[in-house]
Amino acid sequence: MKWNKKWLIVVLIILSISYFYSSYNDKKLSNQIKEKKLASCIEQNLYDCNLIELYHRECFDLSYRSEYKLKEFHPAEYDNCLNTKIKQHDDLQ
């Protein structure tokens, strides 16, 4: 197949759509996990729930990663990271 301007544009459009779709799904999953964690925190009242807002993005990024070309979320790692960050925050206070 000979590459020309038309095919290059088609490939770029497909890659762009894929990127935006993936970003949308990542953000949607992140928000769902944060909402569940906040609801659980409010229900259990174990610590300041605002700390979840503070550390969510960092812990989510660590625990949601590609493995064998599939992105997987690791809830145990997320919880461990969040609990560690909150404990460190409390120790500083």
PDB file of N, CA and C in Angstrom:
ATOM      1  N   MET A   1       0.847  -1.172   0.000  1.00  0.00           N
ATOM      2  CA  MET A   1       0.000   0.000   0.000  1.00  0.00           C
ATOM      3  C   MET A   1       0.890   1.231   0.000  1.00  0.00           C
ATOM      4  N   LYS A   2       0.572   2.136  -0.853  1.00  0.00           N
ATOM      5  CA  LYS A   2       1.338   3.365  -0.947  1.00  0.00           C
ATOM      6  C   LYS A   2       0.719   4.414  -0.017  1.00  0.00           C
ATOM      7  N   TRP A   3       1.562   5.005   0.801  1.00  0.00           N
ATOM      8  CA  TRP A   3       1.088   6.036   1.729  1.00  0.00           C
ATOM      9  C   TRP A   3       0.984   7.365   0.988  1.00  0.00           C
ATOM     10  N   ASN A   4      -0.106   8.011   1.206  1.00  0.00           N
ATOM     11  CA  ASN A   4      -0.260   9.360   0.679  1.00  0.00           C
ATOM     12  C   ASN A   4      -0.915  10.222   1.761  1.00  0.00           C
ATOM     13  N   LYS A   5      -1.173  11.436   1.431  1.00  0.00           N
ATOM     14  CA  LYS A   5      -1.703  12.391   2.406  1.00  0.00           C
ATOM     15  C   LYS A   5      -3.064  11.929   2.965  1.00  0.00           C
ATOM     16  N   LYS A   6      -3.886  11.369   2.105  1.00  0.00           N
ATOM     17  CA  LYS A   6      -5.221  10.913   2.521  1.00  0.00           C
ATOM     18  C   LYS A   6      -5.109   9.825   3.595  1.00  0.00           C
ATOM     19  N   TRP A   7      -4.253   8.830   3.383  1.00  0.00           N
ATOM     20  CA  TRP A   7      -4.104   7.745   4.349  1.00  0.00           C
ATOM     21  C   TRP A   7      -3.478   8.229   5.651  1.00  0.00           C
ATOM     22  N   LEU A   8      -2.572   9.151   5.555  1.00  0.00           N
ATOM     23  CA  LEU A   8      -1.963   9.725   6.751  1.00  0.00           C
ATOM     24  C   LEU A   8      -3.010  10.436   7.605  1.00  0.00           C
ATOM     25  N   ILE A   9      -3.881  11.180   6.974  1.00  0.00           N
ATOM     26  CA  ILE A   9      -4.951  11.874   7.695  1.00  0.00           C
ATOM     27  C   ILE A   9      -5.912  10.873   8.329  1.00  0.00           C
ATOM     28  N   VAL A  10      -6.266   9.830   7.605  1.00  0.00           N
ATOM     29  CA  VAL A  10      -7.165   8.800   8.135  1.00  0.00           C
ATOM     30  C   VAL A  10      -6.548   8.138   9.375  1.00  0.00           C
ATOM     31  N   VAL A  11      -5.282   7.791   9.298  1.00  0.00           N
ATOM     32  CA  VAL A  11      -4.606   7.152  10.429  1.00  0.00           C
ATOM     33  C   VAL A  11      -4.546   8.108  11.615  1.00  0.00           C
ATOM     34  N   LEU A  12      -4.229   9.365  11.377  1.00  0.00           N
ATOM     35  CA  LEU A  12      -4.182  10.350  12.462  1.00  0.00           C
ATOM     36  C   LEU A  12      -5.549  10.544  13.114  1.00  0.00           C
ATOM     37  N   ILE A  13      -6.596  10.536  12.326  1.00  0.00           N
ATOM     38  CA  ILE A  13      -7.951  10.665  12.873  1.00  0.00           C
ATOM     39  C   ILE A  13      -8.287   9.448  13.738  1.00  0.00           C
ATOM     40  N   ILE A  14      -7.967   8.277  13.274  1.00  0.00           N
ATOM     41  CA  ILE A  14      -8.240   7.056  14.044  1.00  0.00           C
ATOM     42  C   ILE A  14      -7.455   7.060  15.358  1.00  0.00           C
ATOM     43  N   LEU A  15      -6.198   7.426  15.293  1.00  0.00           N
ATOM     44  CA  LEU A  15      -5.390   7.480  16.514  1.00  0.00           C
ATOM     45  C   LEU A  15      -5.905   8.541  17.484  1.00  0.00           C
ATOM     46  N   SER A  16      -6.338   9.660  16.972  1.00  0.00           N
ATOM     47  CA  SER A  16      -6.888  10.723  17.823  1.00  0.00           C
ATOM     48  C   SER A  16      -8.167  10.270  18.515  1.00  0.00           C
ATOM     49  N   ILE A  17      -9.046   9.641  17.762  1.00  0.00           N
ATOM     50  CA  ILE A  17     -10.298   9.136  18.341  1.00  0.00           C
ATOM     51  C   ILE A  17      -9.993   8.107  19.425  1.00  0.00           C
ATOM     52  N   SER A  18      -9.071   7.220  19.139  1.00  0.00           N
ATOM     53  CA  SER A  18      -8.681   6.204  20.115  1.00  0.00           C
ATOM     54  C   SER A  18      -8.123   6.841  21.383  1.00  0.00           C
ATOM     55  N   TYR A  19      -7.279   7.836  21.228  1.00  0.00           N
ATOM     56  CA  TYR A  19      -6.683   8.520  22.376  1.00  0.00           C
ATOM     57  C   TYR A  19      -7.752   9.190  23.234  1.00  0.00           C
ATOM     58  N   PHE A  20      -8.660   9.927  22.599  1.00  0.00           N
ATOM     59  CA  PHE A  20      -9.694  10.622  23.357  1.00  0.00           C
ATOM     60  C   PHE A  20     -10.677   9.654  24.011  1.00  0.00           C
ATOM     61  N   TYR A  21     -10.996   8.573  23.344  1.00  0.00           N
ATOM     62  CA  TYR A  21     -11.881   7.560  23.920  1.00  0.00           C
ATOM     63  C   TYR A  21     -11.223   6.911  25.140  1.00  0.00           C
ATOM     64  N   SER A  22      -9.961   6.586  25.024  1.00  0.00           N
ATOM     65  CA  SER A  22      -9.219   5.996  26.142  1.00  0.00           C
ATOM     66  C   SER A  22      -9.132   6.975  27.312  1.00  0.00           C
ATOM     67  N   SER A  23      -8.850   8.228  27.032  1.00  0.00           N
ATOM     68  CA  SER A  23      -8.769   9.247  28.082  1.00  0.00           C
ATOM     69  C   SER A  23     -10.114   9.415  28.794  1.00  0.00           C
ATOM     70  N   TYR A  24     -11.181   9.413  28.012  1.00  0.00           N
ATOM     71  CA  TYR A  24     -12.518   9.535  28.583  1.00  0.00           C
ATOM     72  C   TYR A  24     -12.819   8.360  29.520  1.00  0.00           C
ATOM     73  N   ASN A  25     -12.512   7.145  29.085  1.00  0.00           N
ATOM     74  CA  ASN A  25     -12.762   5.969  29.920  1.00  0.00           C
ATOM     75  C   ASN A  25     -11.889   5.965  31.174  1.00  0.00           C
ATOM     76  N   ASP A  26     -10.634   6.402  31.055  1.00  0.00           N
ATOM     77  CA  ASP A  26      -9.752   6.491  32.219  1.00  0.00           C
ATOM     78  C   ASP A  26     -10.308   7.470  33.247  1.00  0.00           C
ATOM     79  N   LYS A  27     -10.755   8.616  32.776  1.00  0.00           N
ATOM     80  CA  LYS A  27     -11.300   9.636  33.681  1.00  0.00           C
ATOM     81  C   LYS A  27     -12.599   9.147  34.331  1.00  0.00           C
ATOM     82  N   LYS A  28     -13.420   8.467  33.546  1.00  0.00           N
ATOM     83  CA  LYS A  28     -14.683   7.927  34.062  1.00  0.00           C
ATOM     84  C   LYS A  28     -14.414   6.904  35.171  1.00  0.00           C
ATOM     85  N   LEU A  29     -13.474   5.987  34.944  1.00  0.00           N
ATOM     86  CA  LEU A  29     -13.113   4.996  35.954  1.00  0.00           C
ATOM     87  C   LEU A  29     -12.538   5.674  37.194  1.00  0.00           C
ATOM     88  N   SER A  30     -11.688   6.650  36.987  1.00  0.00           N
ATOM     89  CA  SER A  30     -11.094   7.377  38.106  1.00  0.00           C
ATOM     90  C   SER A  30     -12.172   8.031  38.968  1.00  0.00           C
ATOM     91  N   ASN A  31     -13.127   8.677  38.330  1.00  0.00           N
ATOM     92  CA  ASN A  31     -14.206   9.332  39.070  1.00  0.00           C
ATOM     93  C   ASN A  31     -15.077   8.327  39.819  1.00  0.00           C
ATOM     94  N   GLN A  32     -15.350   7.183  39.199  1.00  0.00           N
ATOM     95  CA  GLN A  32     -16.159   6.158  39.863  1.00  0.00           C
ATOM     96  C   GLN A  32     -15.453   5.635  41.112  1.00  0.00           C
ATOM     97  N   ILE A  33     -14.171   5.391  40.998  1.00  0.00           N
ATOM     98  CA  ILE A  33     -13.410   4.873  42.139  1.00  0.00           C
ATOM     99  C   ILE A  33     -13.341   5.911  43.249  1.00  0.00           C
ATOM    100  N   LYS A  34     -13.114   7.159  42.879  1.00  0.00           N
ATOM    101  CA  LYS A  34     -13.047   8.221  43.879  1.00  0.00           C
ATOM    102  C   LYS A  34     -14.387   8.377  44.599  1.00  0.00           C
ATOM    103  N   GLU A  35     -15.488   8.338  43.847  1.00  0.00           N
ATOM    104  CA  GLU A  35     -16.812   8.458  44.455  1.00  0.00           C
ATOM    105  C   GLU A  35     -17.093   7.311  45.427  1.00  0.00           C
ATOM    106  N   LYS A  36     -16.723   6.084  45.038  1.00  0.00           N
ATOM    107  CA  LYS A  36     -16.920   4.931  45.927  1.00  0.00           C
ATOM    108  C   LYS A  36     -16.082   5.068  47.194  1.00  0.00           C
ATOM    109  N   LYS A  37     -14.841   5.510  47.019  1.00  0.00           N
ATOM    110  CA  LYS A  37     -13.949   5.658  48.175  1.00  0.00           C
ATOM    111  C   LYS A  37     -14.463   6.761  49.094  1.00  0.00           C
ATOM    112  N   LEU A  38     -14.947   7.872  48.542  1.00  0.00           N
ATOM    113  CA  LEU A  38     -15.504   8.949  49.358  1.00  0.00           C
ATOM    114  C   LEU A  38     -16.755   8.487  50.102  1.00  0.00           C
ATOM    115  N   ALA A  39     -17.622   7.749  49.413  1.00  0.00           N
ATOM    116  CA  ALA A  39     -18.845   7.245  50.056  1.00  0.00           C
ATOM    117  C   ALA A  39     -18.489   6.304  51.204  1.00  0.00           C
ATOM    118  N   SER A  40     -17.516   5.448  50.980  1.00  0.00           N
ATOM    119  CA  SER A  40     -17.069   4.519  52.016  1.00  0.00           C
ATOM    120  C   SER A  40     -16.471   5.282  53.199  1.00  0.00           C
ATOM    121  N   CYS A  41     -15.704   6.305  52.904  1.00  0.00           N
ATOM    122  CA  CYS A  41     -15.075   7.104  53.953  1.00  0.00           C
ATOM    123  C   CYS A  41     -16.130   7.810  54.803  1.00  0.00           C
ATOM    124  N   ILE A  42     -17.105   8.399  54.137  1.00  0.00           N
ATOM    125  CA  ILE A  42     -18.162   9.111  54.863  1.00  0.00           C
ATOM    126  C   ILE A  42     -18.954   8.143  55.729  1.00  0.00           C
ATOM    127  N   GLU A  43     -19.219   6.956  55.199  1.00  0.00           N
ATOM    128  CA  GLU A  43     -19.978   5.947  55.936  1.00  0.00           C
ATOM    129  C   GLU A  43     -19.209   5.457  57.172  1.00  0.00           C
ATOM    130  N   GLN A  44     -17.911   5.197  57.014  1.00  0.00           N
ATOM    131  CA  GLN A  44     -17.110   4.649  58.106  1.00  0.00           C
ATOM    132  C   GLN A  44     -16.552   5.729  59.030  1.00  0.00           C
ATOM    133  N   ASN A  45     -16.382   6.939  58.498  1.00  0.00           N
ATOM    134  CA  ASN A  45     -15.893   8.078  59.276  1.00  0.00           C
ATOM    135  C   ASN A  45     -14.577   7.756  59.999  1.00  0.00           C
ATOM    136  N   LEU A  46     -13.611   7.197  59.252  1.00  0.00           N
ATOM    137  CA  LEU A  46     -12.336   6.810  59.851  1.00  0.00           C
ATOM    138  C   LEU A  46     -11.311   7.938  59.865  1.00  0.00           C
ATOM    139  N   TYR A  47     -11.367   8.827  58.883  1.00  0.00           N
ATOM    140  CA  TYR A  47     -10.394   9.906  58.770  1.00  0.00           C
ATOM    141  C   TYR A  47     -11.011  11.029  57.959  1.00  0.00           C
ATOM    142  N   ASP A  48     -10.262  12.098  57.789  1.00  0.00           N
ATOM    143  CA  ASP A  48     -10.723  13.250  57.021  1.00  0.00           C
ATOM    144  C   ASP A  48     -10.874  12.856  55.553  1.00  0.00           C
ATOM    145  N   CYS A  49     -12.084  12.830  55.063  1.00  0.00           N
ATOM    146  CA  CYS A  49     -12.359  12.359  53.712  1.00  0.00           C
ATOM    147  C   CYS A  49     -11.813  13.300  52.639  1.00  0.00           C
ATOM    148  N   ASN A  50     -11.510  14.532  52.994  1.00  0.00           N
ATOM    149  CA  ASN A  50     -10.909  15.457  52.030  1.00  0.00           C
ATOM    150  C   ASN A  50      -9.528  14.991  51.584  1.00  0.00           C
ATOM    151  N   LEU A  51      -8.905  14.146  52.380  1.00  0.00           N
ATOM    152  CA  LEU A  51      -7.589  13.626  52.018  1.00  0.00           C
ATOM    153  C   LEU A  51      -7.665  12.706  50.797  1.00  0.00           C
ATOM    154  N   ILE A  52      -8.820  12.103  50.586  1.00  0.00           N
ATOM    155  CA  ILE A  52      -9.003  11.270  49.397  1.00  0.00           C
ATOM    156  C   ILE A  52      -8.882  12.151  48.157  1.00  0.00           C
ATOM    157  N   GLU A  53      -9.522  13.322  48.201  1.00  0.00           N
ATOM    158  CA  GLU A  53      -9.416  14.273  47.084  1.00  0.00           C
ATOM    159  C   GLU A  53      -7.962  14.656  46.840  1.00  0.00           C
ATOM    160  N   LEU A  54      -7.219  14.835  47.916  1.00  0.00           N
ATOM    161  CA  LEU A  54      -5.835  15.273  47.829  1.00  0.00           C
ATOM    162  C   LEU A  54      -4.920  14.223  47.195  1.00  0.00           C
ATOM    163  N   TYR A  55      -5.109  12.954  47.525  1.00  0.00           N
ATOM    164  CA  TYR A  55      -4.183  11.905  47.102  1.00  0.00           C
ATOM    165  C   TYR A  55      -4.730  10.953  46.034  1.00  0.00           C
ATOM    166  N   HIS A  56      -5.978  11.111  45.655  1.00  0.00           N
ATOM    167  CA  HIS A  56      -6.597  10.178  44.708  1.00  0.00           C
ATOM    168  C   HIS A  56      -5.835  10.077  43.392  1.00  0.00           C
ATOM    169  N   ARG A  57      -5.569  11.189  42.754  1.00  0.00           N
ATOM    170  CA  ARG A  57      -4.958  11.173  41.425  1.00  0.00           C
ATOM    171  C   ARG A  57      -3.614  10.450  41.443  1.00  0.00           C
ATOM    172  N   GLU A  58      -2.794  10.745  42.423  1.00  0.00           N
ATOM    173  CA  GLU A  58      -1.476  10.113  42.513  1.00  0.00           C
ATOM    174  C   GLU A  58      -1.596   8.594  42.697  1.00  0.00           C
ATOM    175  N   CYS A  59      -2.445   8.179  43.604  1.00  0.00           N
ATOM    176  CA  CYS A  59      -2.608   6.745  43.871  1.00  0.00           C
ATOM    177  C   CYS A  59      -3.302   6.034  42.713  1.00  0.00           C
ATOM    178  N   PHE A  60      -4.259   6.691  42.081  1.00  0.00           N
ATOM    179  CA  PHE A  60      -4.937   6.086  40.943  1.00  0.00           C
ATOM    180  C   PHE A  60      -3.958   5.851  39.800  1.00  0.00           C
ATOM    181  N   ASP A  61      -3.130   6.853  39.512  1.00  0.00           N
ATOM    182  CA  ASP A  61      -2.164   6.717  38.426  1.00  0.00           C
ATOM    183  C   ASP A  61      -1.185   5.569  38.668  1.00  0.00           C
ATOM    184  N   LEU A  62      -0.812   5.344  39.920  1.00  0.00           N
ATOM    185  CA  LEU A  62       0.101   4.248  40.240  1.00  0.00           C
ATOM    186  C   LEU A  62      -0.557   2.877  40.088  1.00  0.00           C
ATOM    187  N   SER A  63      -1.832   2.803  40.393  1.00  0.00           N
ATOM    188  CA  SER A  63      -2.491   1.505  40.445  1.00  0.00           C
ATOM    189  C   SER A  63      -3.293   1.160  39.176  1.00  0.00           C
ATOM    190  N   TYR A  64      -3.336   2.064  38.220  1.00  0.00           N
ATOM    191  CA  TYR A  64      -4.039   1.810  36.959  1.00  0.00           C
ATOM    192  C   TYR A  64      -3.002   1.882  35.847  1.00  0.00           C
ATOM    193  N   ARG A  65      -2.575   0.724  35.388  1.00  0.00           N
ATOM    194  CA  ARG A  65      -1.470   0.700  34.430  1.00  0.00           C
ATOM    195  C   ARG A  65      -1.651  -0.437  33.429  1.00  0.00           C
ATOM    196  N   SER A  66      -0.860  -0.375  32.399  1.00  0.00           N
ATOM    197  CA  SER A  66      -0.921  -1.381  31.334  1.00  0.00           C
ATOM    198  C   SER A  66      -0.147  -2.622  31.733  1.00  0.00           C
ATOM    199  N   GLU A  67      -0.759  -3.742  31.471  1.00  0.00           N
ATOM    200  CA  GLU A  67      -0.115  -5.038  31.643  1.00  0.00           C
ATOM    201  C   GLU A  67      -0.540  -5.910  30.474  1.00  0.00           C
ATOM    202  N   TYR A  68       0.428  -6.372  29.727  1.00  0.00           N
ATOM    203  CA  TYR A  68       0.143  -7.198  28.552  1.00  0.00           C
ATOM    204  C   TYR A  68      -0.839  -6.506  27.603  1.00  0.00           C
ATOM    205  N   LYS A  69      -0.602  -5.230  27.373  1.00  0.00           N
ATOM    206  CA  LYS A  69      -1.376  -4.390  26.447  1.00  0.00           C
ATOM    207  C   LYS A  69      -2.805  -4.126  26.915  1.00  0.00           C
ATOM    208  N   LEU A  70      -3.128  -4.468  28.145  1.00  0.00           N
ATOM    209  CA  LEU A  70      -4.428  -4.144  28.721  1.00  0.00           C
ATOM    210  C   LEU A  70      -4.211  -3.289  29.958  1.00  0.00           C
ATOM    211  N   LYS A  71      -5.040  -2.277  30.112  1.00  0.00           N
ATOM    212  CA  LYS A  71      -4.941  -1.467  31.322  1.00  0.00           C
ATOM    213  C   LYS A  71      -5.789  -2.118  32.397  1.00  0.00           C
ATOM    214  N   GLU A  72      -5.192  -2.267  33.565  1.00  0.00           N
ATOM    215  CA  GLU A  72      -5.890  -2.889  34.679  1.00  0.00           C
ATOM    216  C   GLU A  72      -5.766  -2.013  35.915  1.00  0.00           C
ATOM    217  N   PHE A  73      -6.827  -1.999  36.696  1.00  0.00           N
ATOM    218  CA  PHE A  73      -6.824  -1.284  37.962  1.00  0.00           C
ATOM    219  C   PHE A  73      -6.568  -2.286  39.071  1.00  0.00           C
ATOM    220  N   HIS A  74      -5.667  -1.939  39.976  1.00  0.00           N
ATOM    221  CA  HIS A  74      -5.303  -2.808  41.088  1.00  0.00           C
ATOM    222  C   HIS A  74      -5.816  -2.170  42.387  1.00  0.00           C
ATOM    223  N   PRO A  75      -6.994  -2.585  42.836  1.00  0.00           N
ATOM    224  CA  PRO A  75      -7.611  -1.936  43.997  1.00  0.00           C
ATOM    225  C   PRO A  75      -6.795  -2.068  45.283  1.00  0.00           C
ATOM    226  N   ALA A  76      -6.128  -3.189  45.488  1.00  0.00           N
ATOM    227  CA  ALA A  76      -5.332  -3.361  46.709  1.00  0.00           C
ATOM    228  C   ALA A  76      -4.175  -2.364  46.737  1.00  0.00           C
ATOM    229  N   GLU A  77      -3.543  -2.154  45.597  1.00  0.00           N
ATOM    230  CA  GLU A  77      -2.455  -1.179  45.522  1.00  0.00           C
ATOM    231  C   GLU A  77      -2.980   0.237  45.747  1.00  0.00           C
ATOM    232  N   TYR A  78      -4.148   0.519  45.188  1.00  0.00           N
ATOM    233  CA  TYR A  78      -4.756   1.847  45.368  1.00  0.00           C
ATOM    234  C   TYR A  78      -5.048   2.096  46.843  1.00  0.00           C
ATOM    235  N   ASP A  79      -5.698   1.138  47.480  1.00  0.00           N
ATOM    236  CA  ASP A  79      -6.018   1.289  48.904  1.00  0.00           C
ATOM    237  C   ASP A  79      -4.762   1.422  49.751  1.00  0.00           C
ATOM    238  N   ASN A  80      -3.754   0.620  49.448  1.00  0.00           N
ATOM    239  CA  ASN A  80      -2.498   0.680  50.185  1.00  0.00           C
ATOM    240  C   ASN A  80      -1.832   2.053  50.025  1.00  0.00           C
ATOM    241  N   CYS A  81      -1.786   2.544  48.806  1.00  0.00           N
ATOM    242  CA  CYS A  81      -1.193   3.854  48.535  1.00  0.00           C
ATOM    243  C   CYS A  81      -1.962   4.952  49.269  1.00  0.00           C
ATOM    244  N   LEU A  82      -3.276   4.921  49.163  1.00  0.00           N
ATOM    245  CA  LEU A  82      -4.106   5.944  49.805  1.00  0.00           C
ATOM    246  C   LEU A  82      -3.939   5.897  51.318  1.00  0.00           C
ATOM    247  N   ASN A  83      -3.956   4.702  51.892  1.00  0.00           N
ATOM    248  CA  ASN A  83      -3.789   4.579  53.344  1.00  0.00           C
ATOM    249  C   ASN A  83      -2.411   5.057  53.794  1.00  0.00           C
ATOM    250  N   THR A  84      -1.386   4.760  53.011  1.00  0.00           N
ATOM    251  CA  THR A  84      -0.032   5.208  53.336  1.00  0.00           C
ATOM    252  C   THR A  84       0.062   6.725  53.293  1.00  0.00           C
ATOM    253  N   LYS A  85      -0.479   7.333  52.251  1.00  0.00           N
ATOM    254  CA  LYS A  85      -0.448   8.796  52.115  1.00  0.00           C
ATOM    255  C   LYS A  85      -1.216   9.467  53.243  1.00  0.00           C
ATOM    256  N   ILE A  86      -2.369   8.912  53.594  1.00  0.00           N
ATOM    257  CA  ILE A  86      -3.181   9.499  54.667  1.00  0.00           C
ATOM    258  C   ILE A  86      -2.466   9.357  56.000  1.00  0.00           C
ATOM    259  N   LYS A  87      -1.850   8.212  56.245  1.00  0.00           N
ATOM    260  CA  LYS A  87      -1.095   8.011  57.486  1.00  0.00           C
ATOM    261  C   LYS A  87       0.073   8.988  57.564  1.00  0.00           C
ATOM    262  N   GLN A  88       0.799   9.168  56.453  1.00  0.00           N
ATOM    263  CA  GLN A  88       1.900  10.117  56.434  1.00  0.00           C
ATOM    264  C   GLN A  88       1.406  11.533  56.697  1.00  0.00           C
ATOM    265  N   HIS A  89       0.264  11.860  56.117  1.00  0.00           N
ATOM    266  CA  HIS A  89      -0.330  13.183  56.331  1.00  0.00           C
ATOM    267  C   HIS A  89      -0.685  13.393  57.794  1.00  0.00           C
ATOM    268  N   ASP A  90      -1.285  12.364  58.393  1.00  0.00           N
ATOM    269  CA  ASP A  90      -1.662  12.448  59.804  1.00  0.00           C
ATOM    270  C   ASP A  90      -0.434  12.546  60.710  1.00  0.00           C
ATOM    271  N   ASP A  91       0.641  11.850  60.337  1.00  0.00           N
ATOM    272  CA  ASP A  91       1.867  11.894  61.146  1.00  0.00           C
ATOM    273  C   ASP A  91       2.502  13.276  61.113  1.00  0.00           C
ATOM    274  N   LEU A  92       2.325  13.992  60.002  1.00  0.00           N
ATOM    275  CA  LEU A  92       2.881  15.345  59.887  1.00  0.00           C
ATOM    276  C   LEU A  92       2.099  16.364  60.701  1.00  0.00           C
ATOM    277  N   GLN A  93       0.873  16.025  60.976  1.00  0.00           N
ATOM    278  CA  GLN A  93       0.005  16.971  61.729  1.00  0.00           C
ATOM    279  C   GLN A  93       0.302  16.985  63.190  1.00  0.00           C
TER     280      GLN A  93
END
